[in-house]
Amino acid sequence: MIPSESQNAMEMAMADAGGGAGIGDETSGEGRPTPAETATRGLRILERLIAGSTLAEVAAGEGLSPRRARELVAEVVAQRGFDP
C-alpha cells in the first residue's frame, strides 16, 4: 500500500470504530440514573441487606460492583440514619 492509502484506511477504520459510541451518547438508551432513582436503589439495597442477603448477592442482583453497592448504602445511611 502507498503510505497515503494506509493512512486513509486507518482513518476510515478509526471513524468506523468510533461509530457514535461516546461517553454520554444519547443513542445508547441508558443514561445516568436520576437522584430519585439512585435513592430508590439505595433503599432497595438496604432492605435486601436487612432481609439477610449478602452485599455481593445484592450487588450482583442490581448490576453493581460490591464497592458501588457499599457506597450507595453508606450514602443512604448518612442521609436517613439507620437504627438497627
PDB file of N, CA and C in Angstrom:
ATOM      1  N   MET A   1       0.826  -1.180   0.000  1.00  0.00           N
ATOM      2  CA  MET A   1       0.000   0.000   0.000  1.00  0.00           C
ATOM      3  C   MET A   1       0.872   1.246   0.000  1.00  0.00           C
ATOM      4  N   ILE A   2       0.374   2.245  -0.598  1.00  0.00           N
ATOM      5  CA  ILE A   2       1.031   3.541  -0.588  1.00  0.00           C
ATOM      6  C   ILE A   2       0.748   4.183   0.761  1.00  0.00           C
ATOM      7  N   PRO A   3       1.719   4.913   1.359  1.00  0.00           N
ATOM      8  CA  PRO A   3       1.508   5.480   2.690  1.00  0.00           C
ATOM      9  C   PRO A   3       0.198   6.264   2.831  1.00  0.00           C
ATOM     10  N   SER A   4      -0.170   7.028   1.825  1.00  0.00           N
ATOM     11  CA  SER A   4      -1.410   7.799   1.949  1.00  0.00           C
ATOM     12  C   SER A   4      -2.626   6.875   1.972  1.00  0.00           C
ATOM     13  N   GLU A   5      -2.549   5.751   1.247  1.00  0.00           N
ATOM     14  CA  GLU A   5      -3.655   4.790   1.256  1.00  0.00           C
ATOM     15  C   GLU A   5      -3.775   4.111   2.618  1.00  0.00           C
ATOM     16  N   SER A   6      -2.625   3.737   3.222  1.00  0.00           N
ATOM     17  CA  SER A   6      -2.685   3.084   4.524  1.00  0.00           C
ATOM     18  C   SER A   6      -3.177   4.060   5.594  1.00  0.00           C
ATOM     19  N   GLN A   7      -2.773   5.319   5.473  1.00  0.00           N
ATOM     20  CA  GLN A   7      -3.245   6.315   6.429  1.00  0.00           C
ATOM     21  C   GLN A   7      -4.746   6.532   6.249  1.00  0.00           C
ATOM     22  N   ASN A   8      -5.187   6.568   5.009  1.00  0.00           N
ATOM     23  CA  ASN A   8      -6.602   6.734   4.725  1.00  0.00           C
ATOM     24  C   ASN A   8      -7.404   5.548   5.271  1.00  0.00           C
ATOM     25  N   ALA A   9      -6.890   4.349   5.079  1.00  0.00           N
ATOM     26  CA  ALA A   9      -7.565   3.149   5.573  1.00  0.00           C
ATOM     27  C   ALA A   9      -7.638   3.169   7.097  1.00  0.00           C
ATOM     28  N   MET A  10      -6.548   3.627   7.736  1.00  0.00           N
ATOM     29  CA  MET A  10      -6.527   3.698   9.195  1.00  0.00           C
ATOM     30  C   MET A  10      -7.542   4.722   9.695  1.00  0.00           C
ATOM     31  N   GLU A  11      -7.610   5.866   9.034  1.00  0.00           N
ATOM     32  CA  GLU A  11      -8.580   6.891   9.425  1.00  0.00           C
ATOM     33  C   GLU A  11     -10.006   6.382   9.270  1.00  0.00           C
ATOM     34  N   MET A  12     -10.271   5.641   8.205  1.00  0.00           N
ATOM     35  CA  MET A  12     -11.606   5.090   7.991  1.00  0.00           C
ATOM     36  C   MET A  12     -11.940   4.066   9.078  1.00  0.00           C
ATOM     37  N   ALA A  13     -10.973   3.214   9.433  1.00  0.00           N
ATOM     38  CA  ALA A  13     -11.200   2.211  10.464  1.00  0.00           C
ATOM     39  C   ALA A  13     -11.462   2.874  11.812  1.00  0.00           C
ATOM     40  N   MET A  14     -10.724   3.941  12.102  1.00  0.00           N
ATOM     41  CA  MET A  14     -10.929   4.642  13.364  1.00  0.00           C
ATOM     42  C   MET A  14     -12.298   5.322  13.385  1.00  0.00           C
ATOM     43  N   ALA A  15     -12.716   5.870  12.280  1.00  0.00           N
ATOM     44  CA  ALA A  15     -14.018   6.514  12.203  1.00  0.00           C
ATOM     45  C   ALA A  15     -15.126   5.491  12.379  1.00  0.00           C
ATOM     46  N   ASP A  16     -14.955   4.309  11.764  1.00  0.00           N
ATOM     47  CA  ASP A  16     -15.954   3.248  11.914  1.00  0.00           C
ATOM     48  C   ASP A  16     -16.002   2.742  13.344  1.00  0.00           C
ATOM     49  N   ALA A  17     -14.852   2.625  13.983  1.00  0.00           N
ATOM     50  CA  ALA A  17     -14.799   2.127  15.352  1.00  0.00           C
ATOM     51  C   ALA A  17     -15.475   3.099  16.307  1.00  0.00           C
ATOM     52  N   GLY A  18     -15.358   4.393  16.053  1.00  0.00           N
ATOM     53  CA  GLY A  18     -15.991   5.387  16.908  1.00  0.00           C
ATOM     54  C   GLY A  18     -17.494   5.278  16.864  1.00  0.00           C
ATOM     55  N   GLY A  19     -18.055   5.189  15.718  1.00  0.00           N
ATOM     56  CA  GLY A  19     -19.458   4.945  15.480  1.00  0.00           C
ATOM     57  C   GLY A  19     -20.446   5.632  16.408  1.00  0.00           C
ATOM     58  N   GLY A  20     -20.077   6.722  17.049  1.00  0.00           N
ATOM     59  CA  GLY A  20     -21.013   7.430  17.892  1.00  0.00           C
ATOM     60  C   GLY A  20     -21.224   6.798  19.246  1.00  0.00           C
ATOM     61  N   ALA A  21     -20.327   5.932  19.663  1.00  0.00           N
ATOM     62  CA  ALA A  21     -20.490   5.265  20.958  1.00  0.00           C
ATOM     63  C   ALA A  21     -19.646   5.952  22.012  1.00  0.00           C
ATOM     64  N   GLY A  22     -19.802   7.240  22.133  1.00  0.00           N
ATOM     65  CA  GLY A  22     -19.018   8.001  23.098  1.00  0.00           C
ATOM     66  C   GLY A  22     -19.675   8.044  24.460  1.00  0.00           C
ATOM     67  N   ILE A  23     -18.965   8.572  25.408  1.00  0.00           N
ATOM     68  CA  ILE A  23     -19.499   8.726  26.756  1.00  0.00           C
ATOM     69  C   ILE A  23     -20.604   9.767  26.702  1.00  0.00           C
ATOM     70  N   GLY A  24     -21.717   9.452  27.327  1.00  0.00           N
ATOM     71  CA  GLY A  24     -22.827  10.373  27.347  1.00  0.00           C
ATOM     72  C   GLY A  24     -23.604  10.416  26.045  1.00  0.00           C
ATOM     73  N   ASP A  25     -23.391   9.438  25.194  1.00  0.00           N
ATOM     74  CA  ASP A  25     -24.096   9.369  23.926  1.00  0.00           C
ATOM     75  C   ASP A  25     -25.565   9.042  24.174  1.00  0.00           C
ATOM     76  N   GLU A  26     -26.449   9.841  23.653  1.00  0.00           N
ATOM     77  CA  GLU A  26     -27.872   9.673  23.913  1.00  0.00           C
ATOM     78  C   GLU A  26     -28.475   8.492  23.174  1.00  0.00           C
ATOM     79  N   THR A  27     -27.790   7.942  22.184  1.00  0.00           N
ATOM     80  CA  THR A  27     -28.350   6.843  21.417  1.00  0.00           C
ATOM     81  C   THR A  27     -28.252   5.513  22.151  1.00  0.00           C
ATOM     82  N   SER A  28     -27.501   5.439  23.260  1.00  0.00           N
ATOM     83  CA  SER A  28     -27.327   4.177  23.959  1.00  0.00           C
ATOM     84  C   SER A  28     -28.584   3.753  24.697  1.00  0.00           C
ATOM     85  N   GLY A  29     -29.485   4.691  25.007  1.00  0.00           N
ATOM     86  CA  GLY A  29     -30.716   4.349  25.682  1.00  0.00           C
ATOM     87  C   GLY A  29     -30.598   4.342  27.188  1.00  0.00           C
ATOM     88  N   GLU A  30     -29.398   4.315  27.693  1.00  0.00           N
ATOM     89  CA  GLU A  30     -29.195   4.326  29.138  1.00  0.00           C
ATOM     90  C   GLU A  30     -28.349   5.525  29.508  1.00  0.00           C
ATOM     91  N   GLY A  31     -28.879   6.299  30.443  1.00  0.00           N
ATOM     92  CA  GLY A  31     -28.120   7.429  30.930  1.00  0.00           C
ATOM     93  C   GLY A  31     -27.859   7.240  32.401  1.00  0.00           C
ATOM     94  N   ARG A  32     -27.381   8.272  33.010  1.00  0.00           N
ATOM     95  CA  ARG A  32     -27.176   8.227  34.448  1.00  0.00           C
ATOM     96  C   ARG A  32     -28.518   8.208  35.143  1.00  0.00           C
ATOM     97  N   PRO A  33     -28.596   7.481  36.238  1.00  0.00           N
ATOM     98  CA  PRO A  33     -29.868   7.489  36.974  1.00  0.00           C
ATOM     99  C   PRO A  33     -30.087   8.846  37.639  1.00  0.00           C
ATOM    100  N   THR A  34     -31.337   9.206  37.768  1.00  0.00           N
ATOM    101  CA  THR A  34     -31.668  10.457  38.441  1.00  0.00           C
ATOM    102  C   THR A  34     -31.403  10.284  39.930  1.00  0.00           C
ATOM    103  N   PRO A  35     -31.308  11.374  40.676  1.00  0.00           N
ATOM    104  CA  PRO A  35     -31.120  11.245  42.121  1.00  0.00           C
ATOM    105  C   PRO A  35     -32.232  10.426  42.791  1.00  0.00           C
ATOM    106  N   ALA A  36     -33.454  10.569  42.296  1.00  0.00           N
ATOM    107  CA  ALA A  36     -34.566   9.796  42.861  1.00  0.00           C
ATOM    108  C   ALA A  36     -34.371   8.301  42.600  1.00  0.00           C
ATOM    109  N   GLU A  37     -33.922   7.945  41.405  1.00  0.00           N
ATOM    110  CA  GLU A  37     -33.676   6.533  41.081  1.00  0.00           C
ATOM    111  C   GLU A  37     -32.538   5.980  41.933  1.00  0.00           C
ATOM    112  N   THR A  38     -31.506   6.786  42.147  1.00  0.00           N
ATOM    113  CA  THR A  38     -30.383   6.351  42.969  1.00  0.00           C
ATOM    114  C   THR A  38     -30.827   6.144  44.416  1.00  0.00           C
ATOM    115  N   ALA A  39     -31.664   7.056  44.926  1.00  0.00           N
ATOM    116  CA  ALA A  39     -32.161   6.921  46.294  1.00  0.00           C
ATOM    117  C   ALA A  39     -33.027   5.683  46.441  1.00  0.00           C
ATOM    118  N   THR A  40     -33.874   5.431  45.464  1.00  0.00           N
ATOM    119  CA  THR A  40     -34.730   4.238  45.493  1.00  0.00           C
ATOM    120  C   THR A  40     -33.878   2.978  45.464  1.00  0.00           C
ATOM    121  N   ARG A  41     -32.863   2.978  44.635  1.00  0.00           N
ATOM    122  CA  ARG A  41     -31.977   1.820  44.552  1.00  0.00           C
ATOM    123  C   ARG A  41     -31.262   1.603  45.880  1.00  0.00           C
ATOM    124  N   GLY A  42     -30.790   2.698  46.486  1.00  0.00           N
ATOM    125  CA  GLY A  42     -30.107   2.590  47.775  1.00  0.00           C
ATOM    126  C   GLY A  42     -31.002   1.992  48.842  1.00  0.00           C
ATOM    127  N   LEU A  43     -32.256   2.430  48.890  1.00  0.00           N
ATOM    128  CA  LEU A  43     -33.204   1.868  49.865  1.00  0.00           C
ATOM    129  C   LEU A  43     -33.498   0.405  49.573  1.00  0.00           C
ATOM    130  N   ARG A  44     -33.628   0.073  48.301  1.00  0.00           N
ATOM    131  CA  ARG A  44     -33.878  -1.321  47.912  1.00  0.00           C
ATOM    132  C   ARG A  44     -32.708  -2.208  48.343  1.00  0.00           C
ATOM    133  N   ILE A  45     -31.492  -1.717  48.151  1.00  0.00           N
ATOM    134  CA  ILE A  45     -30.302  -2.475  48.565  1.00  0.00           C
ATOM    135  C   ILE A  45     -30.306  -2.652  50.075  1.00  0.00           C
ATOM    136  N   LEU A  46     -30.585  -1.579  50.796  1.00  0.00           N
ATOM    137  CA  LEU A  46     -30.607  -1.638  52.256  1.00  0.00           C
ATOM    138  C   LEU A  46     -31.663  -2.628  52.753  1.00  0.00           C
ATOM    139  N   GLU A  47     -32.838  -2.614  52.132  1.00  0.00           N
ATOM    140  CA  GLU A  47     -33.895  -3.552  52.518  1.00  0.00           C
ATOM    141  C   GLU A  47     -33.472  -4.993  52.306  1.00  0.00           C
ATOM    142  N   ARG A  48     -32.809  -5.257  51.203  1.00  0.00           N
ATOM    143  CA  ARG A  48     -32.355  -6.627  50.930  1.00  0.00           C
ATOM    144  C   ARG A  48     -31.272  -7.057  51.919  1.00  0.00           C
ATOM    145  N   LEU A  49     -30.415  -6.108  52.316  1.00  0.00           N
ATOM    146  CA  LEU A  49     -29.385  -6.434  53.313  1.00  0.00           C
ATOM    147  C   LEU A  49     -30.032  -6.740  54.658  1.00  0.00           C
ATOM    148  N   ILE A  50     -31.040  -5.952  55.034  1.00  0.00           N
ATOM    149  CA  ILE A  50     -31.738  -6.178  56.295  1.00  0.00           C
ATOM    150  C   ILE A  50     -32.438  -7.537  56.270  1.00  0.00           C
ATOM    151  N   ALA A  51     -32.929  -7.935  55.099  1.00  0.00           N
ATOM    152  CA  ALA A  51     -33.617  -9.220  54.953  1.00  0.00           C
ATOM    153  C   ALA A  51     -32.656 -10.409  55.010  1.00  0.00           C
ATOM    154  N   GLY A  52     -31.344 -10.138  54.986  1.00  0.00           N
ATOM    155  CA  GLY A  52     -30.377 -11.221  55.153  1.00  0.00           C
ATOM    156  C   GLY A  52     -29.509 -11.542  53.955  1.00  0.00           C
ATOM    157  N   SER A  53     -29.686 -10.846  52.849  1.00  0.00           N
ATOM    158  CA  SER A  53     -28.837 -11.085  51.685  1.00  0.00           C
ATOM    159  C   SER A  53     -27.446 -10.520  51.935  1.00  0.00           C
ATOM    160  N   THR A  54     -26.455 -11.108  51.296  1.00  0.00           N
ATOM    161  CA  THR A  54     -25.103 -10.573  51.403  1.00  0.00           C
ATOM    162  C   THR A  54     -24.944  -9.408  50.438  1.00  0.00           C
ATOM    163  N   LEU A  55     -23.970  -8.580  50.698  1.00  0.00           N
ATOM    164  CA  LEU A  55     -23.723  -7.435  49.837  1.00  0.00           C
ATOM    165  C   LEU A  55     -23.373  -7.890  48.417  1.00  0.00           C
ATOM    166  N   ALA A  56     -22.619  -8.966  48.302  1.00  0.00           N
ATOM    167  CA  ALA A  56     -22.239  -9.477  46.983  1.00  0.00           C
ATOM    168  C   ALA A  56     -23.478  -9.933  46.206  1.00  0.00           C
ATOM    169  N   GLU A  57     -24.421 -10.584  46.876  1.00  0.00           N
ATOM    170  CA  GLU A  57     -25.656 -11.026  46.222  1.00  0.00           C
ATOM    171  C   GLU A  57     -26.484  -9.834  45.754  1.00  0.00           C
ATOM    172  N   VAL A  58     -26.617  -8.864  46.639  1.00  0.00           N
ATOM    173  CA  VAL A  58     -27.410  -7.678  46.320  1.00  0.00           C
ATOM    174  C   VAL A  58     -26.768  -6.918  45.163  1.00  0.00           C
ATOM    175  N   ALA A  59     -25.465  -6.733  45.222  1.00  0.00           N
ATOM    176  CA  ALA A  59     -24.760  -6.008  44.167  1.00  0.00           C
ATOM    177  C   ALA A  59     -24.930  -6.700  42.822  1.00  0.00           C
ATOM    178  N   ALA A  60     -24.803  -8.019  42.811  1.00  0.00           N
ATOM    179  CA  ALA A  60     -24.969  -8.767  41.565  1.00  0.00           C
ATOM    180  C   ALA A  60     -26.390  -8.612  41.033  1.00  0.00           C
ATOM    181  N   GLY A  61     -27.367  -8.653  41.919  1.00  0.00           N
ATOM    182  CA  GLY A  61     -28.756  -8.501  41.505  1.00  0.00           C
ATOM    183  C   GLY A  61     -29.064  -7.127  40.947  1.00  0.00           C
ATOM    184  N   GLU A  62     -28.352  -6.124  41.417  1.00  0.00           N
ATOM    185  CA  GLU A  62     -28.557  -4.750  40.958  1.00  0.00           C
ATOM    186  C   GLU A  62     -27.662  -4.384  39.780  1.00  0.00           C
ATOM    187  N   GLY A  63     -26.755  -5.282  39.424  1.00  0.00           N
ATOM    188  CA  GLY A  63     -25.829  -4.990  38.333  1.00  0.00           C
ATOM    189  C   GLY A  63     -24.745  -4.014  38.731  1.00  0.00           C
ATOM    190  N   LEU A  64     -24.363  -4.047  40.014  1.00  0.00           N
ATOM    191  CA  LEU A  64     -23.344  -3.150  40.546  1.00  0.00           C
ATOM    192  C   LEU A  64     -22.144  -3.945  41.042  1.00  0.00           C
ATOM    193  N   SER A  65     -21.041  -3.238  41.217  1.00  0.00           N
ATOM    194  CA  SER A  65     -19.906  -3.853  41.896  1.00  0.00           C
ATOM    195  C   SER A  65     -20.187  -3.792  43.391  1.00  0.00           C
ATOM    196  N   PRO A  66     -19.616  -4.710  44.165  1.00  0.00           N
ATOM    197  CA  PRO A  66     -19.804  -4.635  45.613  1.00  0.00           C
ATOM    198  C   PRO A  66     -19.350  -3.298  46.192  1.00  0.00           C
ATOM    199  N   ARG A  67     -18.315  -2.732  45.628  1.00  0.00           N
ATOM    200  CA  ARG A  67     -17.821  -1.438  46.104  1.00  0.00           C
ATOM    201  C   ARG A  67     -18.876  -0.341  45.922  1.00  0.00           C
ATOM    202  N   ARG A  68     -19.495  -0.296  44.743  1.00  0.00           N
ATOM    203  CA  ARG A  68     -20.515   0.722  44.485  1.00  0.00           C
ATOM    204  C   ARG A  68     -21.744   0.485  45.362  1.00  0.00           C
ATOM    205  N   ALA A  69     -22.096  -0.774  45.582  1.00  0.00           N
ATOM    206  CA  ALA A  69     -23.227  -1.077  46.461  1.00  0.00           C
ATOM    207  C   ALA A  69     -22.937  -0.571  47.873  1.00  0.00           C
ATOM    208  N   ARG A  70     -21.707  -0.770  48.357  1.00  0.00           N
ATOM    209  CA  ARG A  70     -21.324  -0.253  49.682  1.00  0.00           C
ATOM    210  C   ARG A  70     -21.436   1.258  49.723  1.00  0.00           C
ATOM    211  N   GLU A  71     -21.001   1.911  48.649  1.00  0.00           N
ATOM    212  CA  GLU A  71     -21.081   3.371  48.594  1.00  0.00           C
ATOM    213  C   GLU A  71     -22.527   3.851  48.679  1.00  0.00           C
ATOM    214  N   LEU A  72     -23.423   3.182  47.954  1.00  0.00           N
ATOM    215  CA  LEU A  72     -24.830   3.569  47.987  1.00  0.00           C
ATOM    216  C   LEU A  72     -25.435   3.366  49.371  1.00  0.00           C
ATOM    217  N   VAL A  73     -25.097   2.260  50.019  1.00  0.00           N
ATOM    218  CA  VAL A  73     -25.596   2.003  51.367  1.00  0.00           C
ATOM    219  C   VAL A  73     -25.078   3.081  52.317  1.00  0.00           C
ATOM    220  N   ALA A  74     -23.818   3.422  52.199  1.00  0.00           N
ATOM    221  CA  ALA A  74     -23.239   4.452  53.061  1.00  0.00           C
ATOM    222  C   ALA A  74     -23.948   5.791  52.852  1.00  0.00           C
ATOM    223  N   GLU A  75     -24.279   6.123  51.605  1.00  0.00           N
ATOM    224  CA  GLU A  75     -24.991   7.369  51.324  1.00  0.00           C
ATOM    225  C   GLU A  75     -26.377   7.372  51.960  1.00  0.00           C
ATOM    226  N   VAL A  76     -27.093   6.253  51.827  1.00  0.00           N
ATOM    227  CA  VAL A  76     -28.450   6.168  52.393  1.00  0.00           C
ATOM    228  C   VAL A  76     -28.393   6.281  53.907  1.00  0.00           C
ATOM    229  N   VAL A  77     -27.460   5.572  54.524  1.00  0.00           N
ATOM    230  CA  VAL A  77     -27.346   5.603  55.979  1.00  0.00           C
ATOM    231  C   VAL A  77     -26.962   7.010  56.447  1.00  0.00           C
ATOM    232  N   ALA A  78     -26.075   7.668  55.733  1.00  0.00           N
ATOM    233  CA  ALA A  78     -25.659   9.016  56.113  1.00  0.00           C
ATOM    234  C   ALA A  78     -26.805  10.018  55.992  1.00  0.00           C
ATOM    235  N   GLN A  79     -27.624   9.856  54.965  1.00  0.00           N
ATOM    236  CA  GLN A  79     -28.717  10.797  54.731  1.00  0.00           C
ATOM    237  C   GLN A  79     -29.919  10.536  55.636  1.00  0.00           C
ATOM    238  N   ARG A  80     -30.277   9.287  55.812  1.00  0.00           N
ATOM    239  CA  ARG A  80     -31.515   8.956  56.523  1.00  0.00           C
ATOM    240  C   ARG A  80     -31.277   8.482  57.949  1.00  0.00           C
ATOM    241  N   GLY A  81     -30.072   8.076  58.221  1.00  0.00           N
ATOM    242  CA  GLY A  81     -29.802   7.470  59.516  1.00  0.00           C
ATOM    243  C   GLY A  81     -30.256   6.017  59.495  1.00  0.00           C
ATOM    244  N   PHE A  82     -29.798   5.262  60.418  1.00  0.00           N
ATOM    245  CA  PHE A  82     -30.142   3.841  60.456  1.00  0.00           C
ATOM    246  C   PHE A  82     -30.161   3.386  61.897  1.00  0.00           C
ATOM    247  N   ASP A  83     -31.244   2.796  62.291  1.00  0.00           N
ATOM    248  CA  ASP A  83     -31.397   2.316  63.660  1.00  0.00           C
ATOM    249  C   ASP A  83     -31.593   0.810  63.628  1.00  0.00           C
ATOM    250  N   PRO A  84     -30.522   0.067  63.903  1.00  0.00           N
ATOM    251  CA  PRO A  84     -30.643  -1.399  63.833  1.00  0.00           C
ATOM    252  C   PRO A  84     -31.505  -1.852  64.944  1.00  0.00           C
TER     253      PRO A  84
END
